[in-house]
């Protein structure tokens, strides 16, 4: 299983709806590492590291969460980092 790291930028109703803490809870359950944070422009940026399957599962689970409405997700593969855990910034 190849480990990859992706940076995601989410637009839609993603701030003020528990997005970051949902992402943290789900990512930890999947065994992913990374972080998630709100941006000044109303988007949420997340970096997550794991297998392609785990990352896809995370995105699908976030799309099904109550109150969160993701309109668009931009994603970019970025270099792997040495870290432990998944954190809200």
PDB file of N, CA and C in Angstrom:
ATOM      1  N   UNK A   1       0.833  -1.183   0.000  1.00  0.00           N
ATOM      2  CA  UNK A   1       0.000   0.000   0.000  1.00  0.00           C
ATOM      3  C   UNK A   1       0.877   1.244   0.000  1.00  0.00           C
ATOM      4  N   UNK A   2       0.701   2.056  -1.001  1.00  0.00           N
ATOM      5  CA  UNK A   2       1.482   3.284  -1.120  1.00  0.00           C
ATOM      6  C   UNK A   2       0.831   4.411  -0.332  1.00  0.00           C
ATOM      7  N   UNK A   3       1.639   5.083   0.462  1.00  0.00           N
ATOM      8  CA  UNK A   3       1.181   6.233   1.223  1.00  0.00           C
ATOM      9  C   UNK A   3       1.361   7.487   0.374  1.00  0.00           C
ATOM     10  N   UNK A   4       0.320   8.311   0.314  1.00  0.00           N
ATOM     11  CA  UNK A   4       0.391   9.584  -0.393  1.00  0.00           C
ATOM     12  C   UNK A   4      -0.131  10.671   0.529  1.00  0.00           C
ATOM     13  N   UNK A   5       0.126  11.915   0.153  1.00  0.00           N
ATOM     14  CA  UNK A   5      -0.371  13.067   0.912  1.00  0.00           C
ATOM     15  C   UNK A   5      -1.046  14.008  -0.075  1.00  0.00           C
ATOM     16  N   UNK A   6      -2.230  14.461   0.294  1.00  0.00           N
ATOM     17  CA  UNK A   6      -2.951  15.395  -0.558  1.00  0.00           C
ATOM     18  C   UNK A   6      -3.351  16.622   0.239  1.00  0.00           C
ATOM     19  N   UNK A   7      -3.360  17.744  -0.465  1.00  0.00           N
ATOM     20  CA  UNK A   7      -3.893  18.978   0.094  1.00  0.00           C
ATOM     21  C   UNK A   7      -5.244  19.205  -0.570  1.00  0.00           C
ATOM     22  N   UNK A   8      -6.259  19.455   0.254  1.00  0.00           N
ATOM     23  CA  UNK A   8      -7.611  19.703  -0.227  1.00  0.00           C
ATOM     24  C   UNK A   8      -8.031  21.108   0.156  1.00  0.00           C
ATOM     25  N   UNK A   9      -8.759  21.759  -0.729  1.00  0.00           N
ATOM     26  CA  UNK A   9      -9.415  23.021  -0.411  1.00  0.00           C
ATOM     27  C   UNK A   9     -10.903  22.817  -0.671  1.00  0.00           C
ATOM     28  N   UNK A  10     -11.702  23.015   0.377  1.00  0.00           N
ATOM     29  CA  UNK A  10     -13.145  22.801   0.304  1.00  0.00           C
ATOM     30  C   UNK A  10     -13.868  24.136   0.257  1.00  0.00           C
ATOM     31  N   UNK A  11     -14.851  24.245  -0.637  1.00  0.00           N
ATOM     32  CA  UNK A  11     -15.724  25.409  -0.672  1.00  0.00           C
ATOM     33  C   UNK A  11     -17.157  24.942  -0.469  1.00  0.00           C
ATOM     34  N   UNK A  12     -17.994  25.857  -0.032  1.00  0.00           N
ATOM     35  CA  UNK A  12     -19.392  25.549   0.255  1.00  0.00           C
ATOM     36  C   UNK A  12     -19.704  25.966   1.679  1.00  0.00           C
ATOM     37  N   UNK A  13     -20.647  25.264   2.305  1.00  0.00           N
ATOM     38  CA  UNK A  13     -20.953  25.536   3.718  1.00  0.00           C
ATOM     39  C   UNK A  13     -20.025  24.642   4.538  1.00  0.00           C
ATOM     40  N   UNK A  14     -18.820  25.160   4.783  1.00  0.00           N
ATOM     41  CA  UNK A  14     -17.774  24.353   5.426  1.00  0.00           C
ATOM     42  C   UNK A  14     -17.183  25.011   6.675  1.00  0.00           C
ATOM     43  N   UNK A  15     -17.614  26.226   6.982  1.00  0.00           N
ATOM     44  CA  UNK A  15     -17.167  26.867   8.225  1.00  0.00           C
ATOM     45  C   UNK A  15     -18.380  27.081   9.128  1.00  0.00           C
ATOM     46  N   UNK A  16     -18.176  26.880  10.418  1.00  0.00           N
ATOM     47  CA  UNK A  16     -19.249  27.071  11.378  1.00  0.00           C
ATOM     48  C   UNK A  16     -20.222  25.909  11.444  1.00  0.00           C
ATOM     49  N   UNK A  17     -19.842  24.771  10.885  1.00  0.00           N
ATOM     50  CA  UNK A  17     -20.734  23.601  10.849  1.00  0.00           C
ATOM     51  C   UNK A  17     -20.059  22.345  11.412  1.00  0.00           C
ATOM     52  N   UNK A  18     -18.942  22.520  12.099  1.00  0.00           N
ATOM     53  CA  UNK A  18     -18.233  21.377  12.687  1.00  0.00           C
ATOM     54  C   UNK A  18     -17.362  20.608  11.709  1.00  0.00           C
ATOM     55  N   UNK A  19     -17.038  21.238  10.586  1.00  0.00           N
ATOM     56  CA  UNK A  19     -16.256  20.551   9.550  1.00  0.00           C
ATOM     57  C   UNK A  19     -14.904  20.072  10.070  1.00  0.00           C
ATOM     58  N   UNK A  20     -14.160  20.969  10.718  1.00  0.00           N
ATOM     59  CA  UNK A  20     -12.799  20.617  11.133  1.00  0.00           C
ATOM     60  C   UNK A  20     -12.789  19.475  12.149  1.00  0.00           C
ATOM     61  N   UNK A  21     -13.717  19.511  13.088  1.00  0.00           N
ATOM     62  CA  UNK A  21     -13.737  18.463  14.108  1.00  0.00           C
ATOM     63  C   UNK A  21     -14.284  17.153  13.553  1.00  0.00           C
ATOM     64  N   UNK A  22     -15.196  17.243  12.574  1.00  0.00           N
ATOM     65  CA  UNK A  22     -15.646  16.039  11.879  1.00  0.00           C
ATOM     66  C   UNK A  22     -14.491  15.425  11.100  1.00  0.00           C
ATOM     67  N   UNK A  23     -13.726  16.274  10.409  1.00  0.00           N
ATOM     68  CA  UNK A  23     -12.574  15.792   9.638  1.00  0.00           C
ATOM     69  C   UNK A  23     -11.562  15.121  10.553  1.00  0.00           C
ATOM     70  N   UNK A  24     -11.299  15.740  11.704  1.00  0.00           N
ATOM     71  CA  UNK A  24     -10.344  15.160  12.651  1.00  0.00           C
ATOM     72  C   UNK A  24     -10.832  13.799  13.155  1.00  0.00           C
ATOM     73  N   UNK A  25     -12.075  13.724  13.560  1.00  0.00           N
ATOM     74  CA  UNK A  25     -12.647  12.474  14.080  1.00  0.00           C
ATOM     75  C   UNK A  25     -12.594  11.359  13.031  1.00  0.00           C
ATOM     76  N   UNK A  26     -13.023  11.674  11.811  1.00  0.00           N
ATOM     77  CA  UNK A  26     -13.044  10.676  10.749  1.00  0.00           C
ATOM     78  C   UNK A  26     -11.632  10.257  10.336  1.00  0.00           C
ATOM     79  N   UNK A  27     -10.730  11.237  10.212  1.00  0.00           N
ATOM     80  CA  UNK A  27      -9.350  10.932   9.811  1.00  0.00           C
ATOM     81  C   UNK A  27      -8.658  10.051  10.850  1.00  0.00           C
ATOM     82  N   UNK A  28      -8.869  10.357  12.123  1.00  0.00           N
ATOM     83  CA  UNK A  28      -8.265   9.536  13.174  1.00  0.00           C
ATOM     84  C   UNK A  28      -8.811   8.116  13.118  1.00  0.00           C
ATOM     85  N   UNK A  29     -10.096   7.978  12.854  1.00  0.00           N
ATOM     86  CA  UNK A  29     -10.703   6.653  12.746  1.00  0.00           C
ATOM     87  C   UNK A  29     -10.159   5.843  11.586  1.00  0.00           C
ATOM     88  N   UNK A  30      -9.757   6.531  10.530  1.00  0.00           N
ATOM     89  CA  UNK A  30      -9.186   5.869   9.356  1.00  0.00           C
ATOM     90  C   UNK A  30      -7.681   5.661   9.474  1.00  0.00           C
ATOM     91  N   UNK A  31      -7.063   6.213  10.519  1.00  0.00           N
ATOM     92  CA  UNK A  31      -5.622   6.075  10.702  1.00  0.00           C
ATOM     93  C   UNK A  31      -4.802   7.035   9.860  1.00  0.00           C
ATOM     94  N   UNK A  32      -5.394   8.158   9.463  1.00  0.00           N
ATOM     95  CA  UNK A  32      -4.690   9.145   8.655  1.00  0.00           C
ATOM     96  C   UNK A  32      -3.937  10.132   9.538  1.00  0.00           C
ATOM     97  N   UNK A  33      -2.952  10.779   8.962  1.00  0.00           N
ATOM     98  CA  UNK A  33      -2.267  11.884   9.634  1.00  0.00           C
ATOM     99  C   UNK A  33      -2.511  13.146   8.824  1.00  0.00           C
ATOM    100  N   UNK A  34      -2.273  14.293   9.466  1.00  0.00           N
ATOM    101  CA  UNK A  34      -2.423  15.555   8.755  1.00  0.00           C
ATOM    102  C   UNK A  34      -3.021  16.629   9.632  1.00  0.00           C
ATOM    103  N   UNK A  35      -3.679  17.592   8.989  1.00  0.00           N
ATOM    104  CA  UNK A  35      -4.276  18.719   9.696  1.00  0.00           C
ATOM    105  C   UNK A  35      -5.386  19.330   8.857  1.00  0.00           C
ATOM    106  N   UNK A  36      -6.208  20.166   9.518  1.00  0.00           N
ATOM    107  CA  UNK A  36      -7.292  20.875   8.851  1.00  0.00           C
ATOM    108  C   UNK A  36      -7.430  22.246   9.494  1.00  0.00           C
ATOM    109  N   UNK A  37      -7.719  23.275   8.682  1.00  0.00           N
ATOM    110  CA  UNK A  37      -7.878  24.617   9.247  1.00  0.00           C
ATOM    111  C   UNK A  37      -8.808  25.460   8.376  1.00  0.00           C
ATOM    112  N   UNK A  38      -9.440  26.451   9.027  1.00  0.00           N
ATOM    113  CA  UNK A  38     -10.267  27.440   8.329  1.00  0.00           C
ATOM    114  C   UNK A  38      -9.374  28.495   7.695  1.00  0.00           C
ATOM    115  N   UNK A  39      -9.805  28.996   6.557  1.00  0.00           N
ATOM    116  CA  UNK A  39      -9.111  30.101   5.899  1.00  0.00           C
ATOM    117  C   UNK A  39      -9.981  31.354   5.978  1.00  0.00           C
ATOM    118  N   UNK A  40      -9.370  32.514   5.832  1.00  0.00           N
ATOM    119  CA  UNK A  40     -10.058  33.798   5.940  1.00  0.00           C
ATOM    120  C   UNK A  40     -11.135  33.975   4.885  1.00  0.00           C
ATOM    121  N   UNK A  41     -11.016  33.290   3.739  1.00  0.00           N
ATOM    122  CA  UNK A  41     -11.959  33.475   2.627  1.00  0.00           C
ATOM    123  C   UNK A  41     -13.188  32.565   2.702  1.00  0.00           C
ATOM    124  N   UNK A  42     -13.341  31.839   3.817  1.00  0.00           N
ATOM    125  CA  UNK A  42     -14.503  30.968   3.989  1.00  0.00           C
ATOM    126  C   UNK A  42     -14.284  29.532   3.557  1.00  0.00           C
ATOM    127  N   UNK A  43     -13.108  29.231   3.026  1.00  0.00           N
ATOM    128  CA  UNK A  43     -12.794  27.857   2.644  1.00  0.00           C
ATOM    129  C   UNK A  43     -12.161  27.119   3.825  1.00  0.00           C
ATOM    130  N   UNK A  44     -12.019  25.821   3.674  1.00  0.00           N
ATOM    131  CA  UNK A  44     -11.289  25.007   4.641  1.00  0.00           C
ATOM    132  C   UNK A  44     -10.180  24.289   3.877  1.00  0.00           C
ATOM    133  N   UNK A  45      -8.970  24.322   4.408  1.00  0.00           N
ATOM    134  CA  UNK A  45      -7.829  23.627   3.817  1.00  0.00           C
ATOM    135  C   UNK A  45      -7.477  22.452   4.712  1.00  0.00           C
ATOM    136  N   UNK A  46      -7.202  21.319   4.072  1.00  0.00           N
ATOM    137  CA  UNK A  46      -6.835  20.114   4.811  1.00  0.00           C
ATOM    138  C   UNK A  46      -5.696  19.417   4.079  1.00  0.00           C
ATOM    139  N   UNK A  47      -4.727  18.941   4.855  1.00  0.00           N
ATOM    140  CA  UNK A  47      -3.712  18.038   4.321  1.00  0.00           C
ATOM    141  C   UNK A  47      -3.906  16.710   5.025  1.00  0.00           C
ATOM    142  N   UNK A  48      -3.980  15.648   4.244  1.00  0.00           N
ATOM    143  CA  UNK A  48      -4.179  14.314   4.812  1.00  0.00           C
ATOM    144  C   UNK A  48      -3.228  13.343   4.136  1.00  0.00           C
ATOM    145  N   UNK A  49      -2.754  12.396   4.933  1.00  0.00           N
ATOM    146  CA  UNK A  49      -1.758  11.437   4.466  1.00  0.00           C
ATOM    147  C   UNK A  49      -2.204  10.027   4.815  1.00  0.00           C
ATOM    148  N   UNK A  50      -2.189   9.155   3.816  1.00  0.00           N
ATOM    149  CA  UNK A  50      -2.572   7.758   3.980  1.00  0.00           C
ATOM    150  C   UNK A  50      -2.621   7.110   2.601  1.00  0.00           C
ATOM    151  N   UNK A  51      -3.352   6.021   2.481  1.00  0.00           N
ATOM    152  CA  UNK A  51      -3.492   5.386   1.169  1.00  0.00           C
ATOM    153  C   UNK A  51      -4.552   6.129   0.366  1.00  0.00           C
ATOM    154  N   UNK A  52      -4.538   5.947  -0.925  1.00  0.00           N
ATOM    155  CA  UNK A  52      -5.546   6.565  -1.806  1.00  0.00           C
ATOM    156  C   UNK A  52      -6.947   6.164  -1.355  1.00  0.00           C
ATOM    157  N   UNK A  53      -7.116   4.903  -1.000  1.00  0.00           N
ATOM    158  CA  UNK A  53      -8.422   4.407  -0.551  1.00  0.00           C
ATOM    159  C   UNK A  53      -8.875   5.105   0.735  1.00  0.00           C
ATOM    160  N   UNK A  54      -7.960   5.249   1.690  1.00  0.00           N
ATOM    161  CA  UNK A  54      -8.308   5.926   2.946  1.00  0.00           C
ATOM    162  C   UNK A  54      -8.693   7.382   2.697  1.00  0.00           C
ATOM    163  N   UNK A  55      -7.936   8.059   1.837  1.00  0.00           N
ATOM    164  CA  UNK A  55      -8.230   9.462   1.539  1.00  0.00           C
ATOM    165  C   UNK A  55      -9.588   9.596   0.855  1.00  0.00           C
ATOM    166  N   UNK A  56      -9.882   8.702  -0.075  1.00  0.00           N
ATOM    167  CA  UNK A  56     -11.180   8.734  -0.750  1.00  0.00           C
ATOM    168  C   UNK A  56     -12.315   8.481   0.237  1.00  0.00           C
ATOM    169  N   UNK A  57     -12.111   7.557   1.163  1.00  0.00           N
ATOM    170  CA  UNK A  57     -13.122   7.280   2.183  1.00  0.00           C
ATOM    171  C   UNK A  57     -13.388   8.521   3.025  1.00  0.00           C
ATOM    172  N   UNK A  58     -12.326   9.215   3.413  1.00  0.00           N
ATOM    173  CA  UNK A  58     -12.477  10.419   4.217  1.00  0.00           C
ATOM    174  C   UNK A  58     -13.339  11.452   3.499  1.00  0.00           C
ATOM    175  N   UNK A  59     -13.056  11.703   2.239  1.00  0.00           N
ATOM    176  CA  UNK A  59     -13.809  12.707   1.479  1.00  0.00           C
ATOM    177  C   UNK A  59     -15.277  12.293   1.355  1.00  0.00           C
ATOM    178  N   UNK A  60     -15.524  11.031   1.058  1.00  0.00           N
ATOM    179  CA  UNK A  60     -16.909  10.558   0.931  1.00  0.00           C
ATOM    180  C   UNK A  60     -17.658  10.681   2.255  1.00  0.00           C
ATOM    181  N   UNK A  61     -17.019  10.368   3.360  1.00  0.00           N
ATOM    182  CA  UNK A  61     -17.667  10.476   4.667  1.00  0.00           C
ATOM    183  C   UNK A  61     -17.952  11.940   5.014  1.00  0.00           C
ATOM    184  N   UNK A  62     -17.036  12.835   4.678  1.00  0.00           N
ATOM    185  CA  UNK A  62     -17.268  14.261   4.937  1.00  0.00           C
ATOM    186  C   UNK A  62     -18.459  14.775   4.132  1.00  0.00           C
ATOM    187  N   UNK A  63     -18.607  14.300   2.908  1.00  0.00           N
ATOM    188  CA  UNK A  63     -19.717  14.739   2.058  1.00  0.00           C
ATOM    189  C   UNK A  63     -21.071  14.287   2.613  1.00  0.00           C
ATOM    190  N   UNK A  64     -21.085  13.237   3.424  1.00  0.00           N
ATOM    191  CA  UNK A  64     -22.340  12.719   3.978  1.00  0.00           C
ATOM    192  C   UNK A  64     -22.675  13.284   5.357  1.00  0.00           C
ATOM    193  N   UNK A  65     -21.831  14.126   5.916  1.00  0.00           N
ATOM    194  CA  UNK A  65     -22.070  14.669   7.254  1.00  0.00           C
ATOM    195  C   UNK A  65     -23.213  15.681   7.248  1.00  0.00           C
ATOM    196  N   UNK A  66     -23.981  15.673   8.329  1.00  0.00           N
ATOM    197  CA  UNK A  66     -25.061  16.646   8.497  1.00  0.00           C
ATOM    198  C   UNK A  66     -24.491  18.053   8.577  1.00  0.00           C
ATOM    199  N   UNK A  67     -25.207  18.994   8.029  1.00  0.00           N
ATOM    200  CA  UNK A  67     -24.903  20.426   8.076  1.00  0.00           C
ATOM    201  C   UNK A  67     -23.774  20.846   7.132  1.00  0.00           C
ATOM    202  N   UNK A  68     -22.871  19.963   6.797  1.00  0.00           N
ATOM    203  CA  UNK A  68     -21.778  20.297   5.882  1.00  0.00           C
ATOM    204  C   UNK A  68     -22.286  20.162   4.450  1.00  0.00           C
ATOM    205  N   UNK A  69     -22.022  21.177   3.630  1.00  0.00           N
ATOM    206  CA  UNK A  69     -22.371  21.091   2.213  1.00  0.00           C
ATOM    207  C   UNK A  69     -21.141  21.480   1.397  1.00  0.00           C
ATOM    208  N   UNK A  70     -20.462  20.491   0.879  1.00  0.00           N
ATOM    209  CA  UNK A  70     -19.265  20.726   0.070  1.00  0.00           C
ATOM    210  C   UNK A  70     -19.701  20.956  -1.371  1.00  0.00           C
ATOM    211  N   UNK A  71     -19.383  22.134  -1.884  1.00  0.00           N
ATOM    212  CA  UNK A  71     -19.733  22.453  -3.271  1.00  0.00           C
ATOM    213  C   UNK A  71     -18.613  22.083  -4.237  1.00  0.00           C
ATOM    214  N   UNK A  72     -17.372  22.219  -3.777  1.00  0.00           N
ATOM    215  CA  UNK A  72     -16.229  21.941  -4.640  1.00  0.00           C
ATOM    216  C   UNK A  72     -15.042  21.529  -3.786  1.00  0.00           C
ATOM    217  N   UNK A  73     -14.270  20.582  -4.297  1.00  0.00           N
ATOM    218  CA  UNK A  73     -13.042  20.147  -3.628  1.00  0.00           C
ATOM    219  C   UNK A  73     -11.905  20.213  -4.638  1.00  0.00           C
ATOM    220  N   UNK A  74     -10.906  21.043  -4.339  1.00  0.00           N
ATOM    221  CA  UNK A  74      -9.680  21.063  -5.140  1.00  0.00           C
ATOM    222  C   UNK A  74      -8.671  20.189  -4.413  1.00  0.00           C
ATOM    223  N   UNK A  75      -7.978  19.343  -5.139  1.00  0.00           N
ATOM    224  CA  UNK A  75      -6.983  18.497  -4.481  1.00  0.00           C
ATOM    225  C   UNK A  75      -5.679  18.487  -5.262  1.00  0.00           C
ATOM    226  N   UNK A  76      -4.608  18.337  -4.499  1.00  0.00           N
ATOM    227  CA  UNK A  76      -3.260  18.385  -5.054  1.00  0.00           C
ATOM    228  C   UNK A  76      -2.400  17.380  -4.299  1.00  0.00           C
ATOM    229  N   UNK A  77      -1.668  16.551  -5.014  1.00  0.00           N
ATOM    230  CA  UNK A  77      -0.737  15.628  -4.362  1.00  0.00           C
ATOM    231  C   UNK A  77       0.505  16.420  -3.975  1.00  0.00           C
ATOM    232  N   UNK A  78       0.918  16.272  -2.724  1.00  0.00           N
ATOM    233  CA  UNK A  78       2.067  17.015  -2.201  1.00  0.00           C
ATOM    234  C   UNK A  78       3.032  16.032  -1.535  1.00  0.00           C
ATOM    235  N   UNK A  79       4.240  16.472  -1.197  1.00  0.00           N
ATOM    236  CA  UNK A  79       5.227  15.565  -0.588  1.00  0.00           C
ATOM    237  C   UNK A  79       4.767  15.032   0.778  1.00  0.00           C
ATOM    238  N   UNK A  80       5.109  13.800   1.040  1.00  0.00           N
ATOM    239  CA  UNK A  80       4.807  13.143   2.312  1.00  0.00           C
ATOM    240  C   UNK A  80       5.615  13.816   3.417  1.00  0.00           C
ATOM    241  N   UNK A  81       4.993  13.912   4.598  1.00  0.00           N
ATOM    242  CA  UNK A  81       5.662  14.504   5.752  1.00  0.00           C
ATOM    243  C   UNK A  81       5.690  13.497   6.893  1.00  0.00           C
ATOM    244  N   UNK A  82       6.691  13.626   7.734  1.00  0.00           N
ATOM    245  CA  UNK A  82       6.775  12.787   8.926  1.00  0.00           C
ATOM    246  C   UNK A  82       5.989  13.494  10.026  1.00  0.00           C
ATOM    247  N   UNK A  83       4.933  12.843  10.494  1.00  0.00           N
ATOM    248  CA  UNK A  83       4.088  13.435  11.523  1.00  0.00           C
ATOM    249  C   UNK A  83       3.327  12.323  12.239  1.00  0.00           C
ATOM    250  N   UNK A  84       2.715  12.698  13.340  1.00  0.00           N
ATOM    251  CA  UNK A  84       1.878  11.731  14.051  1.00  0.00           C
ATOM    252  C   UNK A  84       0.535  12.382  14.317  1.00  0.00           C
ATOM    253  N   UNK A  85      -0.506  11.692  14.047  1.00  0.00           N
ATOM    254  CA  UNK A  85      -1.833  12.165  14.346  1.00  0.00           C
ATOM    255  C   UNK A  85      -2.424  13.111  13.322  1.00  0.00           C
ATOM    256  N   UNK A  86      -3.661  13.492  13.581  1.00  0.00           N
ATOM    257  CA  UNK A  86      -4.392  14.425  12.724  1.00  0.00           C
ATOM    258  C   UNK A  86      -4.909  15.531  13.629  1.00  0.00           C
ATOM    259  N   UNK A  87      -4.639  16.785  13.282  1.00  0.00           N
ATOM    260  CA  UNK A  87      -4.894  17.903  14.175  1.00  0.00           C
ATOM    261  C   UNK A  87      -5.723  19.005  13.523  1.00  0.00           C
ATOM    262  N   UNK A  88      -6.470  19.712  14.341  1.00  0.00           N
ATOM    263  CA  UNK A  88      -7.172  20.914  13.921  1.00  0.00           C
ATOM    264  C   UNK A  88      -6.230  22.083  14.190  1.00  0.00           C
ATOM    265  N   UNK A  89      -6.084  22.947  13.214  1.00  0.00           N
ATOM    266  CA  UNK A  89      -5.236  24.143  13.378  1.00  0.00           C
ATOM    267  C   UNK A  89      -6.113  25.366  13.509  1.00  0.00           C
TER     268      UNK A  89
END
